[in-house]
């Protein structure tokens, strides 16, 4: 299992995350980021080309896997804004209170071990008028799909690096002290238990 987690799983996740439907979803939220920005779960940097150079002053990214980040797909030196990568977990963000204008997450909340703690950290580092921009997959609205998600999830989570199919992402965000300013949902192309997407913007209550 160690060899699988170190060599095979990162390649599988990166392949899945860069499929066209997922990239189209990223493009809906990432360009909205502005000011001093934090991206959680940067992975190999698939979101980096979508940031608007006219809006972003500084981009800090965190990820618990430095090995995955070292496979990054973008020339960091060519980015048109200040950039930093930090090897860190979302449950313990190494940034000051009230220091960020925007936090961005894409296909990350499904696999964070303690999502409520991570969202508390996001609230801590965001300014009072800051925004959380997110694009995530999770609990489907259809009972039949939910049944499959719940049944498959224990195995999926074990093989998928902690990814959960059935998290109710908007409810968890709102339960964590955020108000939903904008929320859209749809099934994107792909296997239905893993393809119901939520994306939008939330602010601090």
N, C-alpha and C. Protein backbone atom coordinates (compact mmCIF):
# COMPACT_ATOMS: atom_id res chain seq x y z
N UNK A 1 0.82 -1.21 0.00
CA UNK A 1 0.00 0.00 0.00
C UNK A 1 0.86 1.27 0.00
N UNK A 2 2.03 1.20 0.65
CA UNK A 2 2.91 2.36 0.66
C UNK A 2 3.36 2.73 -0.74
N UNK A 3 3.73 1.71 -1.53
CA UNK A 3 4.16 1.97 -2.90
C UNK A 3 3.01 2.52 -3.72
N UNK A 4 1.81 2.01 -3.50
CA UNK A 4 0.63 2.50 -4.21
C UNK A 4 0.40 3.98 -3.89
N UNK A 5 0.45 4.33 -2.58
CA UNK A 5 0.19 5.71 -2.16
C UNK A 5 1.27 6.68 -2.65
N UNK A 6 2.50 6.20 -2.75
CA UNK A 6 3.61 7.08 -3.12
C UNK A 6 3.74 7.26 -4.62
N UNK A 7 3.53 6.18 -5.39
CA UNK A 7 3.83 6.25 -6.82
C UNK A 7 2.61 6.20 -7.73
N UNK A 8 1.63 5.40 -7.38
CA UNK A 8 0.49 5.21 -8.28
C UNK A 8 -0.63 6.20 -8.01
N UNK A 9 -1.03 6.34 -6.74
CA UNK A 9 -2.15 7.20 -6.39
C UNK A 9 -1.97 8.64 -6.87
N UNK A 10 -0.81 9.28 -6.65
CA UNK A 10 -0.66 10.67 -7.12
C UNK A 10 -0.87 10.82 -8.63
N UNK A 11 -0.42 9.83 -9.39
CA UNK A 11 -0.60 9.90 -10.85
C UNK A 11 -2.07 9.75 -11.23
N UNK A 12 -2.76 8.85 -10.53
CA UNK A 12 -4.19 8.63 -10.80
C UNK A 12 -4.99 9.89 -10.47
N UNK A 13 -4.71 10.49 -9.31
CA UNK A 13 -5.43 11.70 -8.90
C UNK A 13 -5.16 12.84 -9.87
N UNK A 14 -3.91 13.02 -10.26
CA UNK A 14 -3.58 14.12 -11.18
C UNK A 14 -4.25 13.91 -12.53
N UNK A 15 -4.28 12.65 -12.99
CA UNK A 15 -4.96 12.35 -14.26
C UNK A 15 -6.44 12.68 -14.17
N UNK A 16 -7.08 12.29 -13.09
CA UNK A 16 -8.52 12.55 -12.93
C UNK A 16 -8.80 14.04 -12.83
N UNK A 17 -7.96 14.75 -12.09
CA UNK A 17 -8.20 16.17 -11.85
C UNK A 17 -7.98 17.04 -13.08
N UNK A 18 -7.19 16.55 -14.04
CA UNK A 18 -6.95 17.38 -15.21
C UNK A 18 -7.84 17.03 -16.40
N UNK A 19 -8.85 16.18 -16.18
CA UNK A 19 -9.79 15.88 -17.24
C UNK A 19 -10.60 17.14 -17.59
N UNK A 20 -11.03 17.23 -18.83
CA UNK A 20 -11.65 18.45 -19.35
C UNK A 20 -12.83 18.95 -18.50
N UNK A 21 -13.78 18.09 -18.08
CA UNK A 21 -14.90 18.61 -17.28
C UNK A 21 -14.44 19.27 -15.98
N UNK A 22 -13.43 18.69 -15.34
CA UNK A 22 -12.91 19.27 -14.09
C UNK A 22 -12.19 20.59 -14.37
N UNK A 23 -11.43 20.65 -15.45
CA UNK A 23 -10.73 21.89 -15.79
C UNK A 23 -11.71 23.00 -16.13
N UNK A 24 -12.81 22.66 -16.76
CA UNK A 24 -13.83 23.66 -17.06
C UNK A 24 -14.45 24.20 -15.78
N UNK A 25 -14.61 23.35 -14.78
CA UNK A 25 -15.14 23.80 -13.50
C UNK A 25 -14.16 24.75 -12.80
N UNK A 26 -12.89 24.42 -12.84
CA UNK A 26 -11.87 25.28 -12.23
C UNK A 26 -11.93 26.68 -12.82
N UNK A 27 -12.11 26.71 -14.12
CA UNK A 27 -12.10 28.00 -14.83
C UNK A 27 -13.28 28.89 -14.44
N UNK A 28 -14.31 28.32 -13.83
CA UNK A 28 -15.47 29.11 -13.41
C UNK A 28 -15.19 29.89 -12.12
N UNK A 29 -14.29 29.40 -11.26
CA UNK A 29 -14.11 30.04 -9.96
C UNK A 29 -12.74 30.69 -9.77
N UNK A 30 -11.68 30.09 -10.28
CA UNK A 30 -10.33 30.58 -9.99
C UNK A 30 -10.12 32.02 -10.47
N UNK A 31 -10.60 32.41 -11.66
CA UNK A 31 -10.37 33.79 -12.11
C UNK A 31 -11.04 34.86 -11.24
N UNK A 32 -11.93 34.46 -10.34
CA UNK A 32 -12.61 35.42 -9.47
C UNK A 32 -11.75 35.84 -8.27
N UNK A 33 -10.67 35.13 -8.03
CA UNK A 33 -9.80 35.43 -6.89
C UNK A 33 -9.14 36.80 -7.06
N UNK A 34 -8.98 37.52 -5.93
CA UNK A 34 -8.34 38.83 -6.02
C UNK A 34 -7.52 39.11 -4.76
N UNK A 35 -6.59 40.04 -4.91
CA UNK A 35 -5.81 40.50 -3.77
C UNK A 35 -4.78 39.51 -3.29
N UNK A 36 -4.71 39.36 -1.97
CA UNK A 36 -3.81 38.41 -1.34
C UNK A 36 -4.55 37.08 -1.24
N UNK A 37 -4.10 36.08 -1.99
CA UNK A 37 -4.87 34.84 -2.21
C UNK A 37 -4.14 33.64 -1.63
N UNK A 38 -4.91 32.72 -1.06
CA UNK A 38 -4.40 31.43 -0.63
C UNK A 38 -5.14 30.34 -1.38
N UNK A 39 -4.40 29.42 -1.99
CA UNK A 39 -5.02 28.22 -2.56
C UNK A 39 -4.66 27.02 -1.69
N UNK A 40 -5.68 26.28 -1.29
CA UNK A 40 -5.50 25.10 -0.45
C UNK A 40 -5.54 23.85 -1.31
N UNK A 41 -4.53 23.00 -1.19
CA UNK A 41 -4.47 21.78 -1.98
C UNK A 41 -4.08 22.05 -3.41
N UNK A 42 -2.95 22.71 -3.60
CA UNK A 42 -2.53 23.12 -4.95
C UNK A 42 -2.17 21.94 -5.84
N UNK A 43 -1.80 20.79 -5.25
CA UNK A 43 -1.46 19.62 -6.07
C UNK A 43 -0.31 19.90 -7.01
N UNK A 44 -0.54 19.66 -8.30
CA UNK A 44 0.50 19.92 -9.31
C UNK A 44 0.33 21.29 -9.97
N UNK A 45 -0.55 22.11 -9.43
CA UNK A 45 -0.69 23.47 -9.93
C UNK A 45 -1.65 23.64 -11.10
N UNK A 46 -2.65 22.78 -11.19
CA UNK A 46 -3.58 22.84 -12.32
C UNK A 46 -4.36 24.15 -12.39
N UNK A 47 -4.54 24.81 -11.23
CA UNK A 47 -5.30 26.07 -11.23
C UNK A 47 -4.48 27.28 -11.63
N UNK A 48 -3.17 27.18 -11.58
CA UNK A 48 -2.32 28.36 -11.72
C UNK A 48 -2.56 29.15 -13.01
N UNK A 49 -2.79 28.52 -14.15
CA UNK A 49 -3.02 29.31 -15.37
C UNK A 49 -4.31 30.11 -15.36
N UNK A 50 -5.23 29.81 -14.44
CA UNK A 50 -6.54 30.47 -14.44
C UNK A 50 -6.61 31.73 -13.59
N UNK A 51 -5.58 32.02 -12.80
CA UNK A 51 -5.62 33.23 -11.98
C UNK A 51 -5.47 34.47 -12.85
N UNK A 52 -6.26 35.49 -12.53
CA UNK A 52 -6.27 36.74 -13.30
C UNK A 52 -5.14 37.64 -12.81
N UNK A 53 -4.18 37.90 -13.69
CA UNK A 53 -3.01 38.69 -13.30
C UNK A 53 -3.37 40.13 -12.95
N UNK A 54 -4.53 40.60 -13.42
CA UNK A 54 -4.96 41.96 -13.12
C UNK A 54 -5.56 42.06 -11.72
N UNK A 55 -5.95 40.92 -11.13
CA UNK A 55 -6.64 40.93 -9.83
C UNK A 55 -5.76 40.43 -8.69
N UNK A 56 -4.87 39.50 -8.96
CA UNK A 56 -4.08 38.86 -7.90
C UNK A 56 -2.79 39.62 -7.66
N UNK A 57 -2.55 39.96 -6.39
CA UNK A 57 -1.30 40.60 -6.02
C UNK A 57 -0.27 39.57 -5.55
N UNK A 58 -0.73 38.64 -4.75
CA UNK A 58 0.15 37.59 -4.24
C UNK A 58 -0.64 36.31 -4.09
N UNK A 59 -0.04 35.20 -4.50
CA UNK A 59 -0.67 33.89 -4.36
C UNK A 59 0.21 32.99 -3.51
N UNK A 60 -0.34 32.54 -2.39
CA UNK A 60 0.31 31.54 -1.55
C UNK A 60 -0.44 30.23 -1.73
N UNK A 61 0.26 29.13 -1.89
CA UNK A 61 -0.38 27.83 -2.05
C UNK A 61 0.15 26.89 -0.97
N UNK A 62 -0.75 26.00 -0.50
CA UNK A 62 -0.31 24.99 0.46
C UNK A 62 -0.76 23.61 -0.02
N UNK A 63 0.00 22.61 0.36
CA UNK A 63 -0.35 21.22 0.07
C UNK A 63 0.44 20.34 1.03
N UNK A 64 -0.17 19.27 1.54
CA UNK A 64 0.55 18.39 2.46
C UNK A 64 1.59 17.51 1.77
N UNK A 65 1.55 17.44 0.43
CA UNK A 65 2.49 16.57 -0.29
C UNK A 65 3.45 17.39 -1.15
N UNK A 66 4.66 17.53 -0.67
CA UNK A 66 5.68 18.23 -1.45
C UNK A 66 6.08 17.41 -2.67
N UNK A 67 6.00 16.08 -2.57
CA UNK A 67 6.32 15.23 -3.72
C UNK A 67 5.39 15.51 -4.90
N UNK A 68 4.09 15.68 -4.60
CA UNK A 68 3.14 15.97 -5.67
C UNK A 68 3.40 17.37 -6.24
N UNK A 69 3.64 18.35 -5.38
CA UNK A 69 3.91 19.70 -5.86
C UNK A 69 5.15 19.72 -6.77
N UNK A 70 6.13 18.89 -6.48
CA UNK A 70 7.35 18.86 -7.31
C UNK A 70 7.09 18.37 -8.72
N UNK A 71 5.89 17.85 -8.97
CA UNK A 71 5.49 17.46 -10.33
C UNK A 71 4.72 18.60 -11.00
N UNK A 72 4.82 19.83 -10.47
CA UNK A 72 4.00 20.94 -10.94
C UNK A 72 4.15 21.16 -12.44
N UNK A 73 3.06 21.62 -13.03
CA UNK A 73 2.95 21.68 -14.49
C UNK A 73 3.14 23.09 -15.04
N UNK A 74 3.48 24.05 -14.18
CA UNK A 74 3.61 25.45 -14.61
C UNK A 74 4.99 25.98 -14.26
N UNK A 75 5.53 26.81 -15.13
CA UNK A 75 6.80 27.48 -14.87
C UNK A 75 6.55 28.60 -13.87
N UNK A 76 6.93 28.38 -12.63
CA UNK A 76 6.64 29.33 -11.55
C UNK A 76 7.28 30.69 -11.83
N UNK A 77 8.43 30.69 -12.45
CA UNK A 77 9.12 31.95 -12.72
C UNK A 77 8.34 32.85 -13.68
N UNK A 78 7.43 32.26 -14.45
CA UNK A 78 6.68 33.04 -15.44
C UNK A 78 5.38 33.62 -14.88
N UNK A 79 5.02 33.28 -13.63
CA UNK A 79 3.78 33.79 -13.07
C UNK A 79 3.85 35.31 -12.88
N UNK A 80 2.77 36.02 -13.21
CA UNK A 80 2.79 37.49 -13.20
C UNK A 80 2.44 38.11 -11.85
N UNK A 81 2.62 37.36 -10.77
CA UNK A 81 2.35 37.88 -9.43
C UNK A 81 3.29 37.17 -8.45
N UNK A 82 3.38 37.70 -7.25
CA UNK A 82 4.21 37.05 -6.22
C UNK A 82 3.63 35.67 -5.92
N UNK A 83 4.53 34.70 -5.72
CA UNK A 83 4.07 33.32 -5.51
C UNK A 83 4.92 32.63 -4.46
N UNK A 84 4.23 31.78 -3.66
CA UNK A 84 4.94 30.97 -2.67
C UNK A 84 4.21 29.65 -2.48
N UNK A 85 4.97 28.57 -2.41
CA UNK A 85 4.43 27.26 -2.04
C UNK A 85 4.88 26.93 -0.62
N UNK A 86 3.94 26.45 0.21
CA UNK A 86 4.25 26.03 1.57
C UNK A 86 3.75 24.60 1.76
N UNK A 87 4.61 23.75 2.28
CA UNK A 87 4.23 22.37 2.59
C UNK A 87 3.49 22.38 3.92
N UNK A 88 2.14 22.29 3.87
CA UNK A 88 1.34 22.42 5.08
C UNK A 88 -0.03 21.80 4.88
N UNK A 89 -0.70 21.54 6.00
CA UNK A 89 -2.06 21.00 6.00
C UNK A 89 -3.07 22.13 6.19
N UNK A 90 -4.28 21.93 5.63
CA UNK A 90 -5.33 22.93 5.75
C UNK A 90 -5.81 23.10 7.18
N UNK A 91 -5.64 22.08 8.01
CA UNK A 91 -6.06 22.17 9.41
C UNK A 91 -5.13 23.05 10.26
N UNK A 92 -4.01 23.45 9.68
CA UNK A 92 -3.05 24.29 10.41
C UNK A 92 -2.37 25.22 9.41
N UNK A 93 -3.08 26.25 8.99
CA UNK A 93 -2.59 27.16 7.94
C UNK A 93 -1.56 28.11 8.55
N UNK A 94 -0.34 28.13 8.01
CA UNK A 94 0.72 28.96 8.60
C UNK A 94 0.67 30.41 8.10
N UNK A 95 -0.46 31.09 8.38
CA UNK A 95 -0.63 32.48 7.96
C UNK A 95 -1.30 33.26 9.07
N UNK A 96 -1.15 34.59 9.02
CA UNK A 96 -1.67 35.46 10.07
C UNK A 96 -3.19 35.58 10.01
N UNK A 97 -3.77 35.91 11.16
CA UNK A 97 -5.21 36.19 11.23
C UNK A 97 -5.58 37.35 10.30
N UNK A 98 -6.76 37.25 9.68
CA UNK A 98 -7.31 38.36 8.90
C UNK A 98 -6.33 38.92 7.87
N UNK A 99 -5.62 38.04 7.19
CA UNK A 99 -4.58 38.49 6.28
C UNK A 99 -4.89 38.26 4.80
N UNK A 100 -6.00 37.58 4.49
CA UNK A 100 -6.26 37.17 3.11
C UNK A 100 -7.56 37.75 2.58
N UNK A 101 -7.52 38.10 1.29
CA UNK A 101 -8.73 38.55 0.60
C UNK A 101 -9.54 37.39 0.05
N UNK A 102 -8.84 36.34 -0.39
CA UNK A 102 -9.51 35.21 -1.04
C UNK A 102 -8.84 33.90 -0.66
N UNK A 103 -9.65 32.88 -0.40
CA UNK A 103 -9.15 31.50 -0.29
C UNK A 103 -9.83 30.69 -1.38
N UNK A 104 -9.04 29.90 -2.10
CA UNK A 104 -9.53 29.09 -3.22
C UNK A 104 -9.33 27.62 -2.91
N UNK A 105 -10.38 26.82 -3.13
CA UNK A 105 -10.25 25.36 -3.05
C UNK A 105 -10.96 24.73 -4.24
N UNK A 106 -10.32 23.78 -4.87
CA UNK A 106 -10.95 23.02 -5.95
C UNK A 106 -10.66 21.54 -5.75
N UNK A 107 -11.71 20.75 -5.58
CA UNK A 107 -11.59 19.29 -5.41
C UNK A 107 -10.61 18.94 -4.29
N UNK A 108 -10.77 19.65 -3.18
CA UNK A 108 -9.89 19.49 -2.02
C UNK A 108 -10.65 19.11 -0.76
N UNK A 109 -11.84 19.69 -0.57
CA UNK A 109 -12.60 19.45 0.65
C UNK A 109 -13.00 17.99 0.83
N UNK A 110 -13.05 17.24 -0.24
CA UNK A 110 -13.44 15.83 -0.14
C UNK A 110 -12.44 14.99 0.64
N UNK A 111 -11.17 15.44 0.67
CA UNK A 111 -10.12 14.59 1.24
C UNK A 111 -9.44 15.16 2.47
N UNK A 112 -9.84 16.34 2.93
CA UNK A 112 -9.25 16.88 4.16
C UNK A 112 -9.79 16.09 5.36
N UNK A 113 -8.89 15.62 6.20
CA UNK A 113 -9.29 14.74 7.31
C UNK A 113 -10.29 15.40 8.25
N UNK A 114 -9.97 16.61 8.71
CA UNK A 114 -10.86 17.33 9.62
C UNK A 114 -11.31 18.60 8.91
N UNK A 115 -12.38 18.49 8.12
CA UNK A 115 -12.82 19.61 7.29
C UNK A 115 -13.33 20.77 8.15
N UNK A 116 -13.98 20.48 9.27
CA UNK A 116 -14.46 21.57 10.13
C UNK A 116 -13.30 22.38 10.70
N UNK A 117 -12.23 21.71 11.07
CA UNK A 117 -11.06 22.43 11.57
C UNK A 117 -10.42 23.25 10.46
N UNK A 118 -10.37 22.69 9.26
CA UNK A 118 -9.81 23.43 8.12
C UNK A 118 -10.62 24.68 7.82
N UNK A 119 -11.94 24.57 7.88
CA UNK A 119 -12.79 25.74 7.61
C UNK A 119 -12.67 26.78 8.72
N UNK A 120 -12.45 26.33 9.96
CA UNK A 120 -12.19 27.28 11.04
C UNK A 120 -10.89 28.04 10.78
N UNK A 121 -9.90 27.35 10.26
CA UNK A 121 -8.64 27.99 9.90
C UNK A 121 -8.84 28.98 8.75
N UNK A 122 -9.66 28.61 7.77
CA UNK A 122 -9.94 29.51 6.66
C UNK A 122 -10.62 30.79 7.17
N UNK A 123 -11.57 30.62 8.07
CA UNK A 123 -12.23 31.80 8.68
C UNK A 123 -11.21 32.67 9.41
N UNK A 124 -10.29 32.03 10.08
CA UNK A 124 -9.29 32.78 10.85
C UNK A 124 -8.41 33.66 9.95
N UNK A 125 -7.97 33.11 8.83
CA UNK A 125 -7.01 33.84 7.99
C UNK A 125 -7.68 34.81 7.02
N UNK A 126 -8.98 34.66 6.79
CA UNK A 126 -9.68 35.58 5.89
C UNK A 126 -9.98 36.90 6.58
N UNK A 127 -9.92 37.98 5.80
CA UNK A 127 -10.39 39.27 6.29
C UNK A 127 -11.90 39.20 6.49
N UNK A 128 -12.43 40.17 7.23
CA UNK A 128 -13.86 40.17 7.52
C UNK A 128 -14.71 40.13 6.25
N UNK A 129 -14.25 40.85 5.22
CA UNK A 129 -14.97 40.87 3.94
C UNK A 129 -14.35 39.93 2.90
N UNK A 130 -13.52 38.99 3.36
CA UNK A 130 -12.88 38.05 2.46
C UNK A 130 -13.84 37.03 1.89
N UNK A 131 -13.40 36.31 0.86
CA UNK A 131 -14.26 35.35 0.18
C UNK A 131 -13.60 33.98 0.09
N UNK A 132 -14.42 32.97 0.26
CA UNK A 132 -14.02 31.59 -0.01
C UNK A 132 -14.61 31.19 -1.35
N UNK A 133 -13.76 30.91 -2.33
CA UNK A 133 -14.19 30.44 -3.63
C UNK A 133 -13.93 28.94 -3.69
N UNK A 134 -14.94 28.17 -4.09
CA UNK A 134 -14.79 26.72 -4.05
C UNK A 134 -15.42 26.06 -5.25
N UNK A 135 -14.87 24.94 -5.63
CA UNK A 135 -15.45 24.02 -6.60
C UNK A 135 -15.14 22.62 -6.10
N UNK A 136 -16.18 21.87 -5.73
CA UNK A 136 -15.99 20.59 -5.08
C UNK A 136 -17.00 19.56 -5.59
N UNK A 137 -16.72 18.30 -5.37
CA UNK A 137 -17.70 17.26 -5.65
C UNK A 137 -18.19 16.70 -4.31
N UNK A 138 -19.39 16.08 -4.32
CA UNK A 138 -19.89 15.54 -3.07
C UNK A 138 -21.25 14.91 -3.19
N UNK A 139 -21.99 14.98 -2.11
CA UNK A 139 -23.28 14.32 -1.99
C UNK A 139 -24.23 14.72 -3.11
N UNK A 140 -24.74 13.73 -3.81
CA UNK A 140 -25.66 13.96 -4.93
C UNK A 140 -27.08 14.18 -4.41
N UNK A 141 -27.94 14.85 -5.20
CA UNK A 141 -29.32 15.09 -4.76
C UNK A 141 -30.24 13.90 -4.94
N UNK A 142 -29.82 12.93 -5.75
CA UNK A 142 -30.68 11.79 -6.08
C UNK A 142 -30.45 10.65 -5.09
N UNK A 143 -31.54 10.14 -4.53
CA UNK A 143 -31.44 9.10 -3.51
C UNK A 143 -30.72 7.86 -4.01
N UNK A 144 -30.96 7.50 -5.26
CA UNK A 144 -30.31 6.29 -5.80
C UNK A 144 -28.80 6.47 -5.87
N UNK A 145 -28.36 7.67 -6.28
CA UNK A 145 -26.92 7.95 -6.36
C UNK A 145 -26.33 8.04 -4.95
N UNK A 146 -27.08 8.66 -4.03
CA UNK A 146 -26.62 8.73 -2.64
C UNK A 146 -26.38 7.33 -2.07
N UNK A 147 -27.28 6.41 -2.39
CA UNK A 147 -27.14 5.04 -1.89
C UNK A 147 -25.82 4.43 -2.35
N UNK A 148 -25.49 4.64 -3.63
CA UNK A 148 -24.23 4.13 -4.17
C UNK A 148 -23.05 4.83 -3.52
N UNK A 149 -23.16 6.15 -3.35
CA UNK A 149 -22.07 6.90 -2.71
C UNK A 149 -21.78 6.37 -1.31
N UNK A 150 -22.83 6.16 -0.53
CA UNK A 150 -22.66 5.71 0.85
C UNK A 150 -22.10 4.28 0.92
N UNK A 151 -22.52 3.46 -0.02
CA UNK A 151 -22.08 2.07 -0.03
C UNK A 151 -20.61 1.95 -0.47
N UNK A 152 -20.23 2.74 -1.45
CA UNK A 152 -18.89 2.64 -2.02
C UNK A 152 -17.87 3.43 -1.22
N UNK A 153 -18.32 4.44 -0.49
CA UNK A 153 -17.39 5.41 0.12
C UNK A 153 -16.27 4.80 0.96
N UNK A 154 -16.52 3.81 1.82
CA UNK A 154 -15.42 3.28 2.63
C UNK A 154 -14.26 2.73 1.78
N UNK A 155 -14.58 2.02 0.71
CA UNK A 155 -13.53 1.47 -0.16
C UNK A 155 -12.89 2.59 -0.96
N UNK A 156 -13.73 3.49 -1.50
CA UNK A 156 -13.25 4.62 -2.31
C UNK A 156 -12.27 5.48 -1.49
N UNK A 157 -12.65 5.75 -0.26
CA UNK A 157 -11.81 6.58 0.61
C UNK A 157 -10.46 5.91 0.85
N UNK A 158 -10.47 4.61 1.05
CA UNK A 158 -9.24 3.87 1.31
C UNK A 158 -8.31 3.90 0.10
N UNK A 159 -8.89 3.72 -1.09
CA UNK A 159 -8.07 3.65 -2.31
C UNK A 159 -7.80 5.02 -2.91
N UNK A 160 -8.61 6.02 -2.53
CA UNK A 160 -8.52 7.34 -3.16
C UNK A 160 -7.83 8.40 -2.35
N UNK A 161 -6.96 8.01 -1.44
CA UNK A 161 -6.20 9.00 -0.69
C UNK A 161 -7.04 9.82 0.26
N UNK A 162 -8.10 9.22 0.81
CA UNK A 162 -8.95 9.91 1.76
C UNK A 162 -10.11 10.64 1.15
N UNK A 163 -10.29 10.53 -0.16
CA UNK A 163 -11.40 11.22 -0.85
C UNK A 163 -12.74 10.62 -0.44
N UNK A 164 -13.68 11.48 -0.07
CA UNK A 164 -15.04 11.07 0.29
C UNK A 164 -16.01 11.44 -0.83
N UNK A 165 -16.87 10.51 -1.19
CA UNK A 165 -17.85 10.75 -2.25
C UNK A 165 -19.08 11.49 -1.75
N UNK A 166 -19.39 11.41 -0.46
CA UNK A 166 -20.72 11.76 0.03
C UNK A 166 -20.76 12.93 1.01
N UNK A 167 -19.76 13.79 1.01
CA UNK A 167 -19.80 14.94 1.89
C UNK A 167 -20.77 16.01 1.34
N UNK A 168 -21.59 16.55 2.22
CA UNK A 168 -22.50 17.64 1.85
C UNK A 168 -21.74 18.95 2.02
N UNK A 169 -20.99 19.30 0.99
CA UNK A 169 -20.05 20.41 1.09
C UNK A 169 -20.71 21.74 1.46
N UNK A 170 -21.80 22.16 0.78
CA UNK A 170 -22.41 23.45 1.16
C UNK A 170 -22.88 23.47 2.61
N UNK A 171 -23.47 22.38 3.10
CA UNK A 171 -23.94 22.33 4.48
C UNK A 171 -22.77 22.46 5.46
N UNK A 172 -21.67 21.80 5.16
CA UNK A 172 -20.49 21.86 6.04
C UNK A 172 -19.92 23.27 6.05
N UNK A 173 -19.86 23.91 4.88
CA UNK A 173 -19.37 25.30 4.81
C UNK A 173 -20.24 26.21 5.66
N UNK A 174 -21.55 26.09 5.52
CA UNK A 174 -22.46 26.97 6.27
C UNK A 174 -22.43 26.66 7.76
N UNK A 175 -22.27 25.40 8.12
CA UNK A 175 -22.18 25.02 9.53
C UNK A 175 -20.91 25.54 10.19
N UNK A 176 -19.95 25.96 9.36
CA UNK A 176 -18.64 26.40 9.86
C UNK A 176 -18.52 27.91 9.95
N UNK A 177 -19.66 28.61 9.92
CA UNK A 177 -19.64 30.05 10.12
C UNK A 177 -19.55 30.88 8.86
N UNK A 178 -19.90 30.28 7.74
CA UNK A 178 -19.91 31.01 6.47
C UNK A 178 -21.34 31.20 5.99
N UNK A 179 -21.56 32.23 5.20
CA UNK A 179 -22.83 32.43 4.51
C UNK A 179 -22.60 32.25 3.02
N UNK A 180 -23.52 31.57 2.36
CA UNK A 180 -23.37 31.27 0.95
C UNK A 180 -23.84 32.47 0.12
N UNK A 181 -22.90 33.12 -0.56
CA UNK A 181 -23.24 34.25 -1.42
C UNK A 181 -23.69 33.80 -2.80
N UNK A 182 -23.13 32.68 -3.25
CA UNK A 182 -23.48 32.14 -4.56
C UNK A 182 -23.21 30.65 -4.55
N UNK A 183 -24.16 29.87 -5.06
CA UNK A 183 -23.99 28.42 -5.11
C UNK A 183 -24.65 27.88 -6.37
N UNK A 184 -23.89 27.11 -7.13
CA UNK A 184 -24.41 26.43 -8.30
C UNK A 184 -24.06 24.95 -8.20
N UNK A 185 -24.88 24.12 -8.83
CA UNK A 185 -24.66 22.67 -8.76
C UNK A 185 -24.99 22.03 -10.11
N UNK A 186 -24.35 20.91 -10.38
CA UNK A 186 -24.68 20.13 -11.56
C UNK A 186 -23.87 18.84 -11.55
N UNK A 187 -24.33 17.86 -12.30
CA UNK A 187 -23.50 16.71 -12.62
C UNK A 187 -22.61 17.09 -13.80
N UNK A 188 -21.31 16.91 -13.64
CA UNK A 188 -20.43 17.05 -14.79
C UNK A 188 -20.27 15.67 -15.43
N UNK A 189 -19.68 15.63 -16.60
CA UNK A 189 -19.50 14.35 -17.30
C UNK A 189 -18.65 13.40 -16.45
N UNK A 190 -19.04 12.15 -16.43
CA UNK A 190 -18.27 11.17 -15.69
C UNK A 190 -19.15 10.24 -14.88
N UNK A 191 -18.51 9.45 -14.05
CA UNK A 191 -19.17 8.48 -13.19
C UNK A 191 -20.01 9.22 -12.16
N UNK A 192 -21.32 9.00 -12.13
CA UNK A 192 -22.23 9.84 -11.36
C UNK A 192 -21.92 9.92 -9.85
N UNK A 193 -21.55 8.83 -9.19
CA UNK A 193 -21.26 8.96 -7.75
C UNK A 193 -20.13 9.92 -7.43
N UNK A 194 -19.29 10.23 -8.42
CA UNK A 194 -18.16 11.14 -8.17
C UNK A 194 -18.26 12.43 -8.97
N UNK A 195 -19.40 12.69 -9.60
CA UNK A 195 -19.44 13.81 -10.54
C UNK A 195 -20.45 14.90 -10.20
N UNK A 196 -21.11 14.82 -9.02
CA UNK A 196 -21.99 15.93 -8.66
C UNK A 196 -21.15 17.04 -8.06
N UNK A 197 -21.19 18.22 -8.71
CA UNK A 197 -20.33 19.34 -8.34
C UNK A 197 -21.10 20.48 -7.70
N UNK A 198 -20.43 21.11 -6.73
CA UNK A 198 -20.89 22.36 -6.13
C UNK A 198 -19.82 23.41 -6.40
N UNK A 199 -20.20 24.61 -6.78
CA UNK A 199 -19.22 25.67 -6.89
C UNK A 199 -19.88 27.01 -6.58
N UNK A 200 -19.05 27.93 -6.07
CA UNK A 200 -19.60 29.24 -5.73
C UNK A 200 -18.69 30.03 -4.82
N UNK A 201 -19.33 30.88 -4.01
CA UNK A 201 -18.61 31.84 -3.17
C UNK A 201 -19.30 31.93 -1.82
N UNK A 202 -18.50 31.96 -0.77
CA UNK A 202 -19.03 32.11 0.59
C UNK A 202 -18.24 33.19 1.32
N UNK A 203 -18.94 33.91 2.20
CA UNK A 203 -18.30 34.92 3.04
C UNK A 203 -18.49 34.58 4.51
N UNK A 204 -17.81 35.31 5.37
CA UNK A 204 -17.92 35.06 6.81
C UNK A 204 -19.21 35.68 7.34
N UNK A 205 -19.93 34.92 8.15
CA UNK A 205 -21.19 35.41 8.73
C UNK A 205 -20.91 36.57 9.70
